[in-house]
Amino acid sequence: MSNHLDFSLSLHRQLTPPAKENFCWSPYSVASALGLAAAATGGRTRAELFTALRATESNAGLTELLELLGGAADPGNLGAEDAPELAVANTLWADEALPVEESYLQAIRDWPGSALRNTAFRSAPDQARRRINADVAETTRGLIPELLHPGTVDPDTVAALVNALYLKASWTEPFDEHATEPVPFHTPWGRRDVPTMRVTRLLGYASHDGWQVVTLPTAGDVEAVVLLPDGEPGPAESGLDAARLDALVSSAGQRRIELLLPRFEVTGDAELQRPLGALGAHTLFTPAADFSPLTTSPLRVSAMVHQSVLRVDEHGLEGAAATAAVMRLVSAVREEEPIRVEVDRPFLFLVRHRPTGALYFLARVVDPS
């Protein structure tokens, strides 16, 4: 778990806009998409992905990550009326002509919602894009209607690894809607009134190391955590590492708390190439990428995008996220016919200083004998 927290906070620092802007993303969705990619890669490409994920190449870290939500995604665990509604999809979209290794499909067969779907990327790229978007929209209950924008998929695209996630969970005890009222909230641009929920009950609570922590249970194994810094949010957030976060959350004990919490909806939309590069994953996006466990065709990731939505109100929370790694063929180096130059007549010959262009020698050769 500490590896996942380290990955989450490290990528959070790379992804998030300035502290004055709202932003939301799903570490589980991004890590799942990277895990799909790691299973499809070899050599340096694979090693860099495991470095970014803060996982070992034994796959133990990925297995642990999948189990975080995998158990809850089991329909057998969703029988209770108030259980969380959870949908997870991990899909390899492949062009109809792309050979896919059976060993890769076996490697991801136990992933929640794993599937292979064929589509005509090369002959109908925009139709393929719309099919992927429609599938993501279905999984996310319409919260993410367009993960891939026009132009993301083109005739050179041959595959996409896509994770989609939807989670809806009700509070164990709902907030009283009648208690919600406008309360002043201090934004970076000044104070304004926002609809704020209010409850007084036993909740998980801790206060130390510059933070207040409140945990809010939902039905099932989902828990919400409010982290309120004592001072300016920017410096506090940048100083939050995996060990400190784990210590804060694990120290929360039951206390009687009067909680005032704004209703909110936040979204996030990000391109992941630069942030992942900062975590050490570079080769994935270059012609040197090794996707041999997936296919015999040479591939590289041309775009990796992420979207997320999170809503919190009196009844509970609802969130959706999707991540896609779009892949295209690496252009093979074409062997060209050599150009024949036969020096069989008088010519000039220069010897020069390349950086400055200064000539050391300039000769005319009319008779090389």
Protein backbone atom coordinates (compact mmCIF):
# COMPACT_ATOMS: atom_id res chain seq x y z
CA MET A 1 0.00 0.00 0.00
CA SER A 2 2.84 2.41 0.78
CA ASN A 3 4.10 1.98 -2.81
CA HIS A 4 0.67 2.94 -4.15
CA LEU A 5 0.52 6.00 -1.88
CA ASP A 6 4.00 7.00 -3.03
CA PHE A 7 2.96 6.63 -6.68
CA SER A 8 -0.27 8.56 -6.06
CA LEU A 9 1.34 11.52 -4.31
CA SER A 10 4.31 11.64 -6.70
CA LEU A 11 2.08 11.77 -9.77
CA HIS A 12 -0.33 14.14 -8.01
CA ARG A 13 2.47 16.69 -7.67
CA GLN A 14 3.17 16.40 -11.40
CA LEU A 15 -0.46 16.45 -12.54
CA THR A 16 -2.12 19.09 -10.47
CA PRO A 17 -2.50 22.69 -11.62
CA PRO A 18 -1.56 25.60 -9.31
CA ALA A 19 -2.92 25.39 -5.77
CA LYS A 20 -5.63 27.96 -6.58
CA GLU A 21 -7.39 25.60 -9.04
CA ASN A 22 -9.70 22.64 -8.42
CA PHE A 23 -8.50 19.32 -9.78
CA CYS A 24 -9.47 15.66 -9.47
CA TRP A 25 -7.89 12.45 -10.75
CA SER A 26 -8.00 8.72 -10.03
CA PRO A 27 -4.75 7.03 -8.97
CA TYR A 28 -6.45 3.65 -9.34
CA SER A 29 -7.49 4.31 -12.93
CA VAL A 30 -4.09 5.63 -13.99
CA ALA A 31 -2.24 2.82 -12.22
CA SER A 32 -4.54 0.24 -13.78
CA ALA A 33 -3.85 1.61 -17.27
CA LEU A 34 -0.12 1.63 -16.55
CA GLY A 35 -0.42 -1.92 -15.26
CA LEU A 36 -2.07 -2.98 -18.51
CA ALA A 37 0.78 -1.32 -20.35
CA ALA A 38 3.44 -2.92 -18.11
CA ALA A 39 2.00 -6.36 -18.82
CA ALA A 40 2.26 -5.55 -22.54
CA THR A 41 5.87 -4.38 -22.49
CA GLY A 42 9.34 -5.75 -21.99
CA GLY A 43 12.90 -4.63 -21.38
CA ARG A 44 13.58 -1.00 -20.53
CA THR A 45 9.98 0.04 -21.28
CA ARG A 46 8.64 -2.36 -18.66
CA ALA A 47 11.29 -1.46 -16.10
CA GLU A 48 10.47 2.25 -16.41
CA LEU A 49 6.75 1.60 -15.94
CA PHE A 50 7.38 -0.35 -12.76
CA THR A 51 9.61 2.49 -11.56
CA ALA A 52 6.80 4.98 -12.20
CA LEU A 53 4.31 2.72 -10.43
CA ARG A 54 6.69 2.35 -7.49
CA ALA A 55 6.19 -1.41 -7.89
CA THR A 56 8.51 -4.40 -8.26
CA GLU A 57 8.73 -6.39 -11.47
CA SER A 58 7.41 -9.43 -9.62
CA ASN A 59 3.94 -7.93 -10.23
CA ALA A 60 3.28 -8.09 -6.49
CA GLY A 61 2.60 -4.36 -6.36
CA LEU A 62 0.18 -4.54 -9.25
CA THR A 63 -1.63 -7.51 -7.76
CA GLU A 64 -2.02 -5.63 -4.49
CA LEU A 65 -3.34 -2.62 -6.38
CA LEU A 66 -5.93 -4.66 -8.27
CA GLU A 67 -7.14 -6.21 -5.05
CA LEU A 68 -7.90 -2.76 -3.64
CA LEU A 69 -11.10 -2.63 -5.67
CA GLY A 70 -11.19 -6.09 -7.22
CA GLY A 71 -13.00 -7.65 -4.29
CA ALA A 72 -15.62 -4.91 -4.26
CA ALA A 73 -16.08 -5.34 -8.00
CA ASP A 74 -17.09 -8.95 -7.46
CA PRO A 75 -20.87 -9.07 -8.07
CA GLY A 76 -21.11 -11.51 -5.18
CA ASN A 77 -20.16 -8.68 -2.84
CA LEU A 78 -22.78 -6.30 -4.18
CA GLY A 79 -25.84 -8.14 -3.02
CA ALA A 80 -26.66 -5.83 -0.14
CA GLU A 81 -29.14 -3.12 -0.96
CA ASP A 82 -26.88 -0.35 0.32
CA ALA A 83 -23.61 -1.74 -1.06
CA PRO A 84 -21.46 0.50 -3.24
CA GLU A 85 -22.15 0.46 -6.96
CA LEU A 86 -18.84 -0.23 -8.65
CA ALA A 87 -17.88 -0.87 -12.26
CA VAL A 88 -14.34 -1.45 -13.51
CA ALA A 89 -13.31 -2.10 -17.12
CA ASN A 90 -9.80 -2.82 -18.40
CA THR A 91 -9.99 -3.11 -22.17
CA LEU A 92 -7.49 -3.71 -24.94
CA TRP A 93 -8.88 -2.19 -28.12
CA ALA A 94 -6.99 -3.57 -31.11
CA ASP A 95 -7.19 -3.03 -34.83
CA GLU A 96 -8.68 -5.99 -36.64
CA ALA A 97 -5.37 -6.58 -38.44
CA LEU A 98 -3.12 -6.29 -35.36
CA PRO A 99 -1.80 -9.68 -34.17
CA VAL A 100 -2.31 -9.94 -30.39
CA GLU A 101 -0.28 -12.43 -28.37
CA GLU A 102 -2.45 -14.95 -26.51
CA SER A 103 0.03 -14.86 -23.63
CA TYR A 104 -0.84 -11.20 -23.01
CA LEU A 105 -4.55 -11.95 -22.85
CA GLN A 106 -3.80 -14.72 -20.37
CA ALA A 107 -1.68 -12.33 -18.29
CA ILE A 108 -4.58 -9.91 -17.79
CA ARG A 109 -7.43 -12.43 -17.62
CA ASP A 110 -7.84 -11.99 -13.84
CA TRP A 111 -7.94 -8.20 -14.00
CA PRO A 112 -11.38 -6.74 -13.14
CA GLY A 113 -13.40 -6.26 -16.31
CA SER A 114 -10.60 -7.32 -18.66
CA ALA A 115 -11.59 -7.67 -22.31
CA LEU A 116 -10.25 -7.61 -25.86
CA ARG A 117 -12.30 -5.69 -28.41
CA ASN A 118 -11.53 -5.25 -32.07
CA THR A 119 -12.25 -2.12 -34.05
CA ALA A 120 -11.18 -0.68 -37.40
CA PHE A 121 -8.60 1.86 -36.23
CA ARG A 122 -6.80 2.08 -39.58
CA SER A 123 -9.78 2.30 -41.94
CA ALA A 124 -12.24 4.14 -39.66
CA PRO A 125 -10.27 5.94 -36.91
CA ASP A 126 -12.98 8.34 -35.81
CA GLN A 127 -15.53 5.57 -35.63
CA ALA A 128 -13.08 3.66 -33.42
CA ARG A 129 -12.68 6.73 -31.21
CA ARG A 130 -16.44 7.03 -30.85
CA ARG A 131 -16.75 3.33 -29.98
CA ILE A 132 -14.18 3.67 -27.21
CA ASN A 133 -15.87 6.81 -25.88
CA ALA A 134 -19.26 5.10 -25.90
CA ASP A 135 -17.86 2.15 -23.97
CA VAL A 136 -16.25 4.44 -21.39
CA ALA A 137 -19.47 6.46 -21.11
CA GLU A 138 -21.41 3.26 -20.45
CA THR A 139 -19.02 2.13 -17.71
CA THR A 140 -18.92 5.58 -16.09
CA ARG A 141 -22.70 6.01 -16.23
CA GLY A 142 -22.37 8.95 -18.60
CA LEU A 143 -20.07 11.00 -16.34
CA ILE A 144 -17.23 10.76 -18.88
CA PRO A 145 -18.86 11.02 -22.32
CA GLU A 146 -15.72 11.86 -24.34
CA LEU A 147 -12.41 10.56 -23.04
CA LEU A 148 -10.74 10.69 -26.47
CA HIS A 149 -11.12 14.04 -28.22
CA PRO A 150 -11.14 14.37 -32.03
CA GLY A 151 -7.66 13.88 -33.44
CA THR A 152 -6.48 11.59 -30.64
CA VAL A 153 -7.10 8.58 -32.88
CA ASP A 154 -5.82 8.72 -36.46
CA PRO A 155 -5.13 6.24 -39.29
CA ASP A 156 -1.76 5.36 -37.72
CA THR A 157 -3.46 4.23 -34.48
CA VAL A 158 -3.67 0.45 -34.07
CA ALA A 159 -4.50 -0.10 -30.38
CA ALA A 160 -5.58 1.49 -27.12
CA LEU A 161 -5.37 0.31 -23.52
CA VAL A 162 -8.32 1.78 -21.61
CA ASN A 163 -9.32 1.69 -17.95
CA ALA A 164 -12.72 2.99 -16.86
CA LEU A 165 -13.99 3.20 -13.31
CA TYR A 166 -17.31 4.13 -11.72
CA LEU A 167 -18.05 4.23 -7.99
CA LYS A 168 -21.17 5.30 -6.15
CA ALA A 169 -21.40 4.89 -2.39
CA SER A 170 -23.92 6.08 0.19
CA TRP A 171 -22.93 7.46 3.57
CA THR A 172 -23.57 5.00 6.39
CA GLU A 173 -25.71 7.81 7.84
CA PRO A 174 -26.82 10.46 5.32
CA PHE A 175 -26.54 14.16 6.05
CA ASP A 176 -29.85 15.89 6.73
CA GLU A 177 -30.67 17.88 3.59
CA HIS A 178 -32.64 20.35 5.69
CA ALA A 179 -29.48 21.18 7.65
CA THR A 180 -27.61 22.24 4.51
CA GLU A 181 -27.32 25.99 4.28
CA PRO A 182 -25.02 28.67 2.85
CA VAL A 183 -21.88 29.08 4.95
CA PRO A 184 -18.90 31.36 4.21
CA PHE A 185 -15.98 29.60 2.48
CA HIS A 186 -12.58 31.27 2.06
CA THR A 187 -11.52 30.90 -1.57
CA PRO A 188 -8.22 32.25 -2.99
CA TRP A 189 -10.28 35.14 -4.42
CA GLY A 190 -12.11 36.01 -1.23
CA ARG A 191 -14.93 34.77 0.93
CA ARG A 192 -18.22 33.53 -0.55
CA ASP A 193 -21.20 31.54 0.69
CA VAL A 194 -21.43 27.92 -0.46
CA PRO A 195 -24.02 25.19 0.28
CA THR A 196 -22.60 23.41 3.31
CA MET A 197 -23.73 20.16 4.89
CA ARG A 198 -23.73 19.81 8.68
CA VAL A 199 -23.70 16.79 10.97
CA THR A 200 -22.75 15.99 14.56
CA ARG A 201 -21.85 12.36 15.24
CA LEU A 202 -19.01 9.93 15.97
CA LEU A 203 -16.48 10.11 13.17
CA GLY A 204 -12.84 9.21 12.73
CA TYR A 205 -10.68 12.19 13.69
CA ALA A 206 -7.02 13.14 14.12
CA SER A 207 -5.21 16.46 14.44
CA HIS A 208 -1.43 16.63 14.18
CA ASP A 209 1.48 17.41 11.88
CA GLY A 210 -0.30 20.47 10.48
CA TRP A 211 -3.49 18.67 9.44
CA GLN A 212 -6.96 17.80 10.69
CA VAL A 213 -8.33 14.49 9.44
CA VAL A 214 -11.97 13.38 9.38
CA THR A 215 -13.03 10.00 8.03
CA LEU A 216 -16.54 9.43 6.70
CA PRO A 217 -17.71 5.82 6.34
CA THR A 218 -19.94 4.63 3.54
CA ALA A 219 -21.78 1.37 3.09
CA GLY A 220 -19.32 -1.36 2.14
CA ASP A 221 -15.55 -1.01 2.22
CA VAL A 222 -15.37 2.56 0.95
CA GLU A 223 -14.31 5.45 3.17
CA ALA A 224 -13.99 9.16 2.48
CA VAL A 225 -11.21 11.16 4.15
CA VAL A 226 -11.20 14.93 4.62
CA LEU A 227 -7.70 16.40 5.01
CA LEU A 228 -7.82 20.00 6.23
CA PRO A 229 -4.46 21.82 6.50
CA ASP A 230 -3.89 24.18 9.40
CA GLY A 231 -2.18 26.70 7.13
CA GLU A 232 -1.87 27.50 3.42
CA PRO A 233 -2.93 24.51 1.31
CA GLY A 234 -0.12 24.79 -1.26
CA PRO A 235 2.89 24.26 1.04
CA ALA A 236 0.99 21.71 3.13
CA GLU A 237 0.06 19.64 0.06
CA SER A 238 3.56 19.72 -1.40
CA GLY A 239 4.98 18.46 1.90
CA LEU A 240 2.61 15.51 2.13
CA ASP A 241 4.39 12.23 1.43
CA ALA A 242 3.25 8.61 1.62
CA ALA A 243 4.50 8.00 5.16
CA ARG A 244 2.90 11.16 6.51
CA LEU A 245 -0.42 10.48 4.76
CA ASP A 246 -0.52 6.91 6.02
CA ALA A 247 0.26 8.07 9.56
CA LEU A 248 -2.43 10.76 9.44
CA VAL A 249 -5.21 8.46 8.24
CA SER A 250 -4.28 5.52 10.45
CA SER A 251 -4.21 7.74 13.55
CA ALA A 252 -7.86 8.78 13.20
CA GLY A 253 -9.89 7.60 16.19
CA GLN A 254 -13.59 7.86 16.94
CA ARG A 255 -14.55 11.25 18.33
CA ARG A 256 -17.79 13.17 18.50
CA ILE A 257 -17.42 15.70 15.68
CA GLU A 258 -19.52 18.56 14.39
CA LEU A 259 -18.62 18.52 10.72
CA LEU A 260 -19.43 21.28 8.24
CA LEU A 261 -18.60 20.04 4.76
CA PRO A 262 -19.43 21.84 1.49
CA ARG A 263 -21.24 19.97 -1.23
CA PHE A 264 -18.95 19.88 -4.23
CA GLU A 265 -18.20 18.57 -7.68
CA VAL A 266 -14.65 18.59 -9.04
CA THR A 267 -13.24 17.38 -12.34
CA GLY A 268 -9.85 16.71 -13.87
CA ASP A 269 -8.55 16.35 -17.41
CA ALA A 270 -4.88 15.60 -18.04
CA GLU A 271 -2.37 14.42 -20.62
CA LEU A 272 0.00 12.04 -18.87
CA GLN A 273 3.15 11.92 -21.01
CA ARG A 274 5.04 14.72 -19.25
CA PRO A 275 3.97 13.78 -15.69
CA LEU A 276 4.88 10.12 -16.25
CA GLY A 277 8.19 11.16 -17.74
CA ALA A 278 8.95 12.96 -14.49
CA LEU A 279 8.35 9.66 -12.69
CA GLY A 280 10.75 7.84 -14.99
CA ALA A 281 8.53 6.45 -17.77
CA HIS A 282 10.02 7.79 -21.02
CA THR A 283 10.58 4.93 -23.47
CA LEU A 284 6.86 4.10 -23.62
CA PHE A 285 6.31 7.14 -25.84
CA THR A 286 9.28 6.63 -28.17
CA PRO A 287 10.03 4.38 -31.15
CA ALA A 288 12.26 2.38 -28.78
CA ALA A 289 9.19 1.15 -26.84
CA ASP A 290 9.08 -2.63 -26.46
CA PHE A 291 5.54 -4.00 -26.80
CA SER A 292 6.67 -7.49 -27.82
CA PRO A 293 4.60 -9.26 -25.09
CA LEU A 294 1.49 -7.74 -26.70
CA THR A 295 2.20 -8.02 -30.41
CA THR A 296 4.88 -8.67 -32.99
CA SER A 297 4.14 -5.27 -34.54
CA PRO A 298 6.35 -2.36 -33.36
CA LEU A 299 4.27 0.08 -31.28
CA ARG A 300 4.66 3.21 -29.21
CA VAL A 301 2.19 5.21 -27.10
CA SER A 302 1.20 8.33 -29.03
CA ALA A 303 -1.07 9.78 -26.32
CA MET A 304 -2.06 8.94 -22.76
CA VAL A 305 -5.04 10.82 -21.38
CA HIS A 306 -7.06 10.84 -18.17
CA GLN A 307 -10.40 12.28 -17.04
CA SER A 308 -12.08 12.19 -13.66
CA VAL A 309 -15.23 13.45 -11.95
CA LEU A 310 -16.13 13.39 -8.23
CA ARG A 311 -19.40 14.54 -6.66
CA VAL A 312 -20.17 14.69 -2.94
CA ASP A 313 -23.57 15.54 -1.44
CA GLU A 314 -25.83 14.70 1.50
CA HIS A 315 -26.43 11.14 0.30
CA GLY A 316 -22.91 10.02 -0.51
CA LEU A 317 -20.30 10.20 -3.21
CA GLU A 318 -20.20 9.42 -6.91
CA GLY A 319 -17.06 9.28 -8.97
CA ALA A 320 -15.90 8.23 -12.41
CA ALA A 321 -12.53 8.09 -14.09
CA ALA A 322 -11.00 6.82 -17.30
CA THR A 323 -7.47 6.51 -18.64
CA ALA A 324 -6.39 5.59 -22.16
CA ALA A 325 -3.02 4.79 -23.70
CA VAL A 326 -3.39 5.23 -27.46
CA MET A 327 -0.80 3.35 -29.54
CA ARG A 328 0.39 3.58 -33.09
CA LEU A 329 2.76 1.66 -35.27
CA VAL A 330 6.39 2.70 -35.26
CA SER A 331 7.41 3.56 -38.80
CA ALA A 332 9.98 1.11 -40.06
CA VAL A 333 13.18 2.59 -41.46
CA ARG A 334 12.97 2.02 -45.20
CA GLU A 335 16.15 1.00 -46.92
CA GLU A 336 16.62 3.45 -49.80
CA GLU A 337 18.53 2.80 -52.99
CA PRO A 338 22.01 4.34 -52.67
CA ILE A 339 22.71 7.47 -54.67
CA ARG A 340 25.73 6.92 -56.91
CA VAL A 341 28.25 9.77 -57.01
CA GLU A 342 31.22 9.11 -59.26
CA VAL A 343 33.95 11.73 -58.92
CA ASP A 344 35.39 11.42 -62.40
CA ARG A 345 36.04 15.04 -63.33
CA PRO A 346 37.61 18.13 -61.76
CA PHE A 347 36.26 18.99 -58.34
CA LEU A 348 36.76 21.21 -55.33
CA PHE A 349 37.82 19.83 -51.95
CA LEU A 350 37.37 21.70 -48.67
CA VAL A 351 38.84 21.11 -45.22
CA ARG A 352 37.03 23.27 -42.69
CA HIS A 353 36.40 24.03 -39.06
CA ARG A 354 32.83 22.76 -38.70
CA PRO A 355 31.63 24.94 -35.79
CA THR A 356 32.71 28.21 -37.43
CA GLY A 357 32.86 27.29 -41.09
CA ALA A 358 36.42 28.63 -41.36
CA LEU A 359 38.34 26.91 -44.13
CA TYR A 360 41.63 25.21 -43.40
CA PHE A 361 42.09 24.15 -46.96
CA LEU A 362 40.32 24.78 -50.22
CA ALA A 363 41.55 22.85 -53.22
CA ARG A 364 40.62 22.44 -56.80
CA VAL A 365 41.51 19.00 -58.07
CA VAL A 366 41.77 18.71 -61.81
CA ASP A 367 44.28 15.89 -61.86
CA PRO A 368 44.44 13.63 -58.81
CA SER A 369 47.52 11.79 -60.03
